[in-house]
């Protein structure tokens, strides 16, 4: 990358490592940062460091949190008889944005993918089983993605949770087949929860 000072090249290189950010987008972001005020750049760098230093996984549900337990798990307003199982923390954010669901969550931190060597022991499934045994949920909603990995995960969860005494449901196909939950719009999320079906 010619024509840039080494500090600018270094910033562009680092930004290019982010998912979805190619060299041109990285260059645009670098120029945006360069044109920002010193105060704005400092606020951005502090925000990045704060995320790295303070954000952790909730001790109960594995959602992102600044404290030991996330805001959802700590809330006294949530319906504690409902548990929604999702793959990633950004799925929680997507569902919350829709404003339809009022229960608790369990984040698996991934999905089953034998081709990539990801099995049940690599996910937070054992922790899920402990929670279900301890807390006796009325309904467990499986909201994994509708792609191959998400479907395999949903099927596996259906098997291991069958004797739990909880009603097992799967969000409806308002989510496109092969689609990721995080990319669905709010109306689709609402419809998917309204049309959830029993897991057989």
C-alpha atoms as a PDB file:
ATOM      1  CA  UNK A   1       0.000   0.000   0.000  1.00  0.00           C
ATOM      2  CA  UNK A   2       1.944   2.974  -1.311  1.00  0.00           C
ATOM      3  CA  UNK A   3       1.402   6.661  -0.688  1.00  0.00           C
ATOM      4  CA  UNK A   4       0.463   6.333   3.018  1.00  0.00           C
ATOM      5  CA  UNK A   5       2.642   6.915   6.049  1.00  0.00           C
ATOM      6  CA  UNK A   6       3.428   3.780   8.073  1.00  0.00           C
ATOM      7  CA  UNK A   7       0.984   4.716  10.871  1.00  0.00           C
ATOM      8  CA  UNK A   8      -1.881   5.003   8.358  1.00  0.00           C
ATOM      9  CA  UNK A   9      -0.907   1.701   6.694  1.00  0.00           C
ATOM     10  CA  UNK A  10      -0.866   0.026  10.091  1.00  0.00           C
ATOM     11  CA  UNK A  11      -4.376   1.325  10.936  1.00  0.00           C
ATOM     12  CA  UNK A  12      -5.742   0.201   7.550  1.00  0.00           C
ATOM     13  CA  UNK A  13      -4.165  -3.237   7.999  1.00  0.00           C
ATOM     14  CA  UNK A  14      -5.727  -3.660  11.446  1.00  0.00           C
ATOM     15  CA  UNK A  15      -9.173  -2.498  10.269  1.00  0.00           C
ATOM     16  CA  UNK A  16      -8.949  -4.920   7.301  1.00  0.00           C
ATOM     17  CA  UNK A  17      -8.796  -7.836   9.752  1.00  0.00           C
ATOM     18  CA  UNK A  18     -12.383  -7.161  10.868  1.00  0.00           C
ATOM     19  CA  UNK A  19     -15.071  -9.434   9.377  1.00  0.00           C
ATOM     20  CA  UNK A  20     -16.823  -7.834   6.413  1.00  0.00           C
ATOM     21  CA  UNK A  21     -14.242  -5.043   6.129  1.00  0.00           C
ATOM     22  CA  UNK A  22     -12.244  -5.166   2.902  1.00  0.00           C
ATOM     23  CA  UNK A  23      -9.244  -2.955   2.046  1.00  0.00           C
ATOM     24  CA  UNK A  24     -11.400  -0.141   0.587  1.00  0.00           C
ATOM     25  CA  UNK A  25     -13.762  -0.059   3.594  1.00  0.00           C
ATOM     26  CA  UNK A  26     -10.751  -0.134   5.912  1.00  0.00           C
ATOM     27  CA  UNK A  27      -9.249   2.814   4.049  1.00  0.00           C
ATOM     28  CA  UNK A  28     -12.527   4.791   4.362  1.00  0.00           C
ATOM     29  CA  UNK A  29     -12.703   4.044   8.105  1.00  0.00           C
ATOM     30  CA  UNK A  30      -9.059   5.040   8.553  1.00  0.00           C
ATOM     31  CA  UNK A  31      -9.706   8.381   6.830  1.00  0.00           C
ATOM     32  CA  UNK A  32     -12.821   8.894   8.977  1.00  0.00           C
ATOM     33  CA  UNK A  33     -10.731   8.336  12.121  1.00  0.00           C
ATOM     34  CA  UNK A  34      -8.010  10.644  10.766  1.00  0.00           C
ATOM     35  CA  UNK A  35     -10.534  13.445  10.150  1.00  0.00           C
ATOM     36  CA  UNK A  36     -12.187  12.959  13.559  1.00  0.00           C
ATOM     37  CA  UNK A  37     -11.254  15.270  16.394  1.00  0.00           C
ATOM     38  CA  UNK A  38      -8.627  14.105  18.857  1.00  0.00           C
ATOM     39  CA  UNK A  39     -11.392  13.800  21.460  1.00  0.00           C
ATOM     40  CA  UNK A  40     -13.555  11.584  19.204  1.00  0.00           C
ATOM     41  CA  UNK A  41     -10.594   9.321  18.432  1.00  0.00           C
ATOM     42  CA  UNK A  42      -9.820   9.052  22.142  1.00  0.00           C
ATOM     43  CA  UNK A  43     -13.452   8.202  22.962  1.00  0.00           C
ATOM     44  CA  UNK A  44     -13.388   5.480  20.266  1.00  0.00           C
ATOM     45  CA  UNK A  45     -10.135   3.981  21.526  1.00  0.00           C
ATOM     46  CA  UNK A  46     -11.401   4.038  25.121  1.00  0.00           C
ATOM     47  CA  UNK A  47     -14.648   2.330  24.061  1.00  0.00           C
ATOM     48  CA  UNK A  48     -12.652  -0.442  22.324  1.00  0.00           C
ATOM     49  CA  UNK A  49     -10.428  -0.945  25.381  1.00  0.00           C
ATOM     50  CA  UNK A  50     -13.445  -0.912  27.720  1.00  0.00           C
ATOM     51  CA  UNK A  51     -15.135  -3.654  25.678  1.00  0.00           C
ATOM     52  CA  UNK A  52     -11.963  -5.753  25.778  1.00  0.00           C
ATOM     53  CA  UNK A  53     -11.439  -5.231  29.501  1.00  0.00           C
ATOM     54  CA  UNK A  54     -14.970  -5.346  30.917  1.00  0.00           C
ATOM     55  CA  UNK A  55     -17.284  -7.357  28.649  1.00  0.00           C
ATOM     56  CA  UNK A  56     -17.600 -11.016  29.627  1.00  0.00           C
ATOM     57  CA  UNK A  57     -20.121 -13.818  29.285  1.00  0.00           C
ATOM     58  CA  UNK A  58     -23.009 -13.851  31.764  1.00  0.00           C
ATOM     59  CA  UNK A  59     -22.455 -16.550  34.388  1.00  0.00           C
ATOM     60  CA  UNK A  60     -26.024 -17.791  33.935  1.00  0.00           C
ATOM     61  CA  UNK A  61     -26.931 -17.519  30.225  1.00  0.00           C
ATOM     62  CA  UNK A  62     -23.632 -16.733  28.373  1.00  0.00           C
ATOM     63  CA  UNK A  63     -24.986 -13.469  26.964  1.00  0.00           C
ATOM     64  CA  UNK A  64     -22.581 -10.513  26.900  1.00  0.00           C
ATOM     65  CA  UNK A  65     -22.418  -8.549  30.137  1.00  0.00           C
ATOM     66  CA  UNK A  66     -20.358  -5.905  31.946  1.00  0.00           C
ATOM     67  CA  UNK A  67     -21.048  -7.705  35.221  1.00  0.00           C
ATOM     68  CA  UNK A  68     -21.254 -11.270  36.515  1.00  0.00           C
ATOM     69  CA  UNK A  69     -24.897 -11.540  35.383  1.00  0.00           C
ATOM     70  CA  UNK A  70     -26.463  -9.771  32.392  1.00  0.00           C
ATOM     71  CA  UNK A  71     -29.334  -7.269  32.590  1.00  0.00           C
ATOM     72  CA  UNK A  72     -31.856  -9.841  31.324  1.00  0.00           C
ATOM     73  CA  UNK A  73     -30.940 -12.474  33.922  1.00  0.00           C
ATOM     74  CA  UNK A  74     -31.014  -9.849  36.703  1.00  0.00           C
ATOM     75  CA  UNK A  75     -34.373  -8.385  35.668  1.00  0.00           C
ATOM     76  CA  UNK A  76     -37.362  -9.099  37.928  1.00  0.00           C
ATOM     77  CA  UNK A  77     -39.724  -8.322  35.027  1.00  0.00           C
ATOM     78  CA  UNK A  78     -38.800 -11.317  32.848  1.00  0.00           C
ATOM     79  CA  UNK A  79     -40.993 -14.427  32.587  1.00  0.00           C
ATOM     80  CA  UNK A  80     -38.792 -17.020  34.302  1.00  0.00           C
ATOM     81  CA  UNK A  81     -40.866 -19.964  33.084  1.00  0.00           C
ATOM     82  CA  UNK A  82     -39.720 -19.382  29.468  1.00  0.00           C
ATOM     83  CA  UNK A  83     -36.236 -20.127  28.137  1.00  0.00           C
ATOM     84  CA  UNK A  84     -35.114 -19.303  24.598  1.00  0.00           C
ATOM     85  CA  UNK A  85     -32.019 -21.120  23.323  1.00  0.00           C
ATOM     86  CA  UNK A  86     -29.958 -19.241  20.713  1.00  0.00           C
ATOM     87  CA  UNK A  87     -26.548 -19.689  19.110  1.00  0.00           C
ATOM     88  CA  UNK A  88     -24.847 -16.321  19.688  1.00  0.00           C
ATOM     89  CA  UNK A  89     -25.215 -13.160  21.820  1.00  0.00           C
ATOM     90  CA  UNK A  90     -26.178 -11.111  18.751  1.00  0.00           C
ATOM     91  CA  UNK A  91     -29.238 -13.393  18.382  1.00  0.00           C
ATOM     92  CA  UNK A  92     -30.373 -12.184  21.827  1.00  0.00           C
ATOM     93  CA  UNK A  93     -30.031  -8.574  20.656  1.00  0.00           C
ATOM     94  CA  UNK A  94     -32.070  -9.335  17.514  1.00  0.00           C
ATOM     95  CA  UNK A  95     -34.912 -10.979  19.459  1.00  0.00           C
ATOM     96  CA  UNK A  96     -34.919  -8.226  22.094  1.00  0.00           C
ATOM     97  CA  UNK A  97     -35.212  -5.564  19.387  1.00  0.00           C
ATOM     98  CA  UNK A  98     -38.444  -7.196  18.165  1.00  0.00           C
ATOM     99  CA  UNK A  99     -39.940  -6.608  21.642  1.00  0.00           C
ATOM    100  CA  UNK A 100     -42.153  -9.724  21.601  1.00  0.00           C
ATOM    101  CA  UNK A 101     -40.326 -12.173  23.856  1.00  0.00           C
ATOM    102  CA  UNK A 102     -40.259 -11.643  27.636  1.00  0.00           C
ATOM    103  CA  UNK A 103     -38.527 -14.759  28.941  1.00  0.00           C
ATOM    104  CA  UNK A 104     -34.920 -15.717  29.645  1.00  0.00           C
ATOM    105  CA  UNK A 105     -32.177 -16.911  27.274  1.00  0.00           C
ATOM    106  CA  UNK A 106     -29.455 -19.501  27.021  1.00  0.00           C
ATOM    107  CA  UNK A 107     -26.654 -18.764  24.543  1.00  0.00           C
ATOM    108  CA  UNK A 108     -24.856 -21.835  23.202  1.00  0.00           C
ATOM    109  CA  UNK A 109     -21.910 -19.820  21.823  1.00  0.00           C
ATOM    110  CA  UNK A 110     -22.034 -21.643  18.496  1.00  0.00           C
ATOM    111  CA  UNK A 111     -23.751 -24.489  16.685  1.00  0.00           C
ATOM    112  CA  UNK A 112     -22.975 -28.134  15.975  1.00  0.00           C
ATOM    113  CA  UNK A 113     -20.734 -28.559  12.956  1.00  0.00           C
ATOM    114  CA  UNK A 114     -19.082 -31.993  12.683  1.00  0.00           C
ATOM    115  CA  UNK A 115     -17.187 -30.921   9.530  1.00  0.00           C
ATOM    116  CA  UNK A 116     -15.504 -28.171  11.565  1.00  0.00           C
ATOM    117  CA  UNK A 117     -14.971 -30.486  14.526  1.00  0.00           C
ATOM    118  CA  UNK A 118     -17.567 -28.706  16.693  1.00  0.00           C
ATOM    119  CA  UNK A 119     -19.487 -31.196  18.814  1.00  0.00           C
ATOM    120  CA  UNK A 120     -21.834 -30.925  21.826  1.00  0.00           C
ATOM    121  CA  UNK A 121     -18.943 -30.595  24.287  1.00  0.00           C
ATOM    122  CA  UNK A 122     -17.736 -27.457  22.460  1.00  0.00           C
ATOM    123  CA  UNK A 123     -21.032 -25.647  23.110  1.00  0.00           C
ATOM    124  CA  UNK A 124     -22.789 -24.599  26.319  1.00  0.00           C
ATOM    125  CA  UNK A 125     -25.161 -27.580  26.169  1.00  0.00           C
ATOM    126  CA  UNK A 126     -24.116 -29.195  29.456  1.00  0.00           C
ATOM    127  CA  UNK A 127     -24.750 -25.860  31.196  1.00  0.00           C
ATOM    128  CA  UNK A 128     -28.173 -25.729  29.523  1.00  0.00           C
ATOM    129  CA  UNK A 129     -29.069 -29.178  30.844  1.00  0.00           C
ATOM    130  CA  UNK A 130     -28.031 -28.133  34.359  1.00  0.00           C
ATOM    131  CA  UNK A 131     -30.240 -25.020  34.163  1.00  0.00           C
ATOM    132  CA  UNK A 132     -33.221 -26.962  32.823  1.00  0.00           C
ATOM    133  CA  UNK A 133     -32.937 -29.605  35.548  1.00  0.00           C
ATOM    134  CA  UNK A 134     -32.590 -26.960  38.261  1.00  0.00           C
ATOM    135  CA  UNK A 135     -35.118 -24.344  37.135  1.00  0.00           C
ATOM    136  CA  UNK A 136     -37.904 -26.462  35.538  1.00  0.00           C
ATOM    137  CA  UNK A 137     -39.022 -24.210  32.672  1.00  0.00           C
ATOM    138  CA  UNK A 138     -42.593 -24.389  31.413  1.00  0.00           C
ATOM    139  CA  UNK A 139     -41.415 -23.942  27.817  1.00  0.00           C
ATOM    140  CA  UNK A 140     -38.034 -24.094  26.073  1.00  0.00           C
ATOM    141  CA  UNK A 141     -37.961 -22.331  22.705  1.00  0.00           C
ATOM    142  CA  UNK A 142     -35.221 -23.454  20.330  1.00  0.00           C
ATOM    143  CA  UNK A 143     -34.265 -20.463  18.160  1.00  0.00           C
ATOM    144  CA  UNK A 144     -31.166 -21.674  16.340  1.00  0.00           C
ATOM    145  CA  UNK A 145     -30.545 -20.608  12.734  1.00  0.00           C
ATOM    146  CA  UNK A 146     -32.332 -22.312   9.830  1.00  0.00           C
ATOM    147  CA  UNK A 147     -29.138 -23.475   8.153  1.00  0.00           C
ATOM    148  CA  UNK A 148     -27.562 -26.961   8.264  1.00  0.00           C
ATOM    149  CA  UNK A 149     -25.684 -26.339  11.522  1.00  0.00           C
ATOM    150  CA  UNK A 150     -28.650 -24.661  13.224  1.00  0.00           C
ATOM    151  CA  UNK A 151     -31.020 -27.466  12.232  1.00  0.00           C
ATOM    152  CA  UNK A 152     -28.565 -30.120  13.457  1.00  0.00           C
ATOM    153  CA  UNK A 153     -28.269 -28.252  16.753  1.00  0.00           C
ATOM    154  CA  UNK A 154     -32.061 -27.976  17.092  1.00  0.00           C
ATOM    155  CA  UNK A 155     -32.470 -31.716  16.449  1.00  0.00           C
ATOM    156  CA  UNK A 156     -29.798 -32.586  19.000  1.00  0.00           C
ATOM    157  CA  UNK A 157     -31.355 -30.271  21.611  1.00  0.00           C
ATOM    158  CA  UNK A 158     -34.747 -31.853  20.931  1.00  0.00           C
ATOM    159  CA  UNK A 159     -33.294 -35.256  21.800  1.00  0.00           C
ATOM    160  CA  UNK A 160     -31.390 -34.288  24.944  1.00  0.00           C
ATOM    161  CA  UNK A 161     -34.219 -32.125  26.314  1.00  0.00           C
ATOM    162  CA  UNK A 162     -37.055 -34.565  25.543  1.00  0.00           C
ATOM    163  CA  UNK A 163     -37.431 -35.913  29.079  1.00  0.00           C
ATOM    164  CA  UNK A 164     -37.037 -32.527  30.777  1.00  0.00           C
ATOM    165  CA  UNK A 165     -40.752 -32.037  31.470  1.00  0.00           C
ATOM    166  CA  UNK A 166     -40.678 -28.708  29.609  1.00  0.00           C
ATOM    167  CA  UNK A 167     -42.723 -28.017  26.495  1.00  0.00           C
ATOM    168  CA  UNK A 168     -40.198 -27.929  23.623  1.00  0.00           C
ATOM    169  CA  UNK A 169     -40.897 -25.609  20.684  1.00  0.00           C
ATOM    170  CA  UNK A 170     -39.000 -24.383  17.633  1.00  0.00           C
ATOM    171  CA  UNK A 171     -39.465 -20.888  16.201  1.00  0.00           C
ATOM    172  CA  UNK A 172     -41.471 -20.981  12.962  1.00  0.00           C
ATOM    173  CA  UNK A 173     -40.119 -20.726   9.448  1.00  0.00           C
ATOM    174  CA  UNK A 174     -40.745 -16.990   9.248  1.00  0.00           C
ATOM    175  CA  UNK A 175     -36.934 -17.018   9.238  1.00  0.00           C
ATOM    176  CA  UNK A 176     -35.779 -17.915   5.696  1.00  0.00           C
ATOM    177  CA  UNK A 177     -34.422 -21.457   5.323  1.00  0.00           C
ATOM    178  CA  UNK A 178     -30.641 -21.183   5.343  1.00  0.00           C
ATOM    179  CA  UNK A 179     -30.888 -17.769   7.013  1.00  0.00           C
ATOM    180  CA  UNK A 180     -29.292 -16.448  10.176  1.00  0.00           C
ATOM    181  CA  UNK A 181     -31.510 -15.164  12.964  1.00  0.00           C
ATOM    182  CA  UNK A 182     -29.480 -11.969  13.395  1.00  0.00           C
ATOM    183  CA  UNK A 183     -30.330 -10.802   9.839  1.00  0.00           C
ATOM    184  CA  UNK A 184     -34.104 -11.202  10.192  1.00  0.00           C
ATOM    185  CA  UNK A 185     -36.264  -8.095  10.501  1.00  0.00           C
ATOM    186  CA  UNK A 186     -38.344  -7.431  13.634  1.00  0.00           C
ATOM    187  CA  UNK A 187     -41.699  -8.356  12.076  1.00  0.00           C
ATOM    188  CA  UNK A 188     -40.274 -11.722  10.945  1.00  0.00           C
ATOM    189  CA  UNK A 189     -38.928 -12.421  14.438  1.00  0.00           C
ATOM    190  CA  UNK A 190     -42.356 -11.660  15.953  1.00  0.00           C
ATOM    191  CA  UNK A 191     -44.079 -14.008  13.468  1.00  0.00           C
ATOM    192  CA  UNK A 192     -41.503 -16.733  14.082  1.00  0.00           C
ATOM    193  CA  UNK A 193     -42.177 -16.636  17.828  1.00  0.00           C
ATOM    194  CA  UNK A 194     -45.956 -16.495  17.373  1.00  0.00           C
ATOM    195  CA  UNK A 195     -45.871 -19.504  15.056  1.00  0.00           C
ATOM    196  CA  UNK A 196     -43.455 -21.665  17.028  1.00  0.00           C
ATOM    197  CA  UNK A 197     -44.193 -25.376  16.896  1.00  0.00           C
ATOM    198  CA  UNK A 198     -43.667 -28.382  19.150  1.00  0.00           C
ATOM    199  CA  UNK A 199     -40.349 -30.176  18.857  1.00  0.00           C
ATOM    200  CA  UNK A 200     -41.039 -33.857  18.234  1.00  0.00           C
END
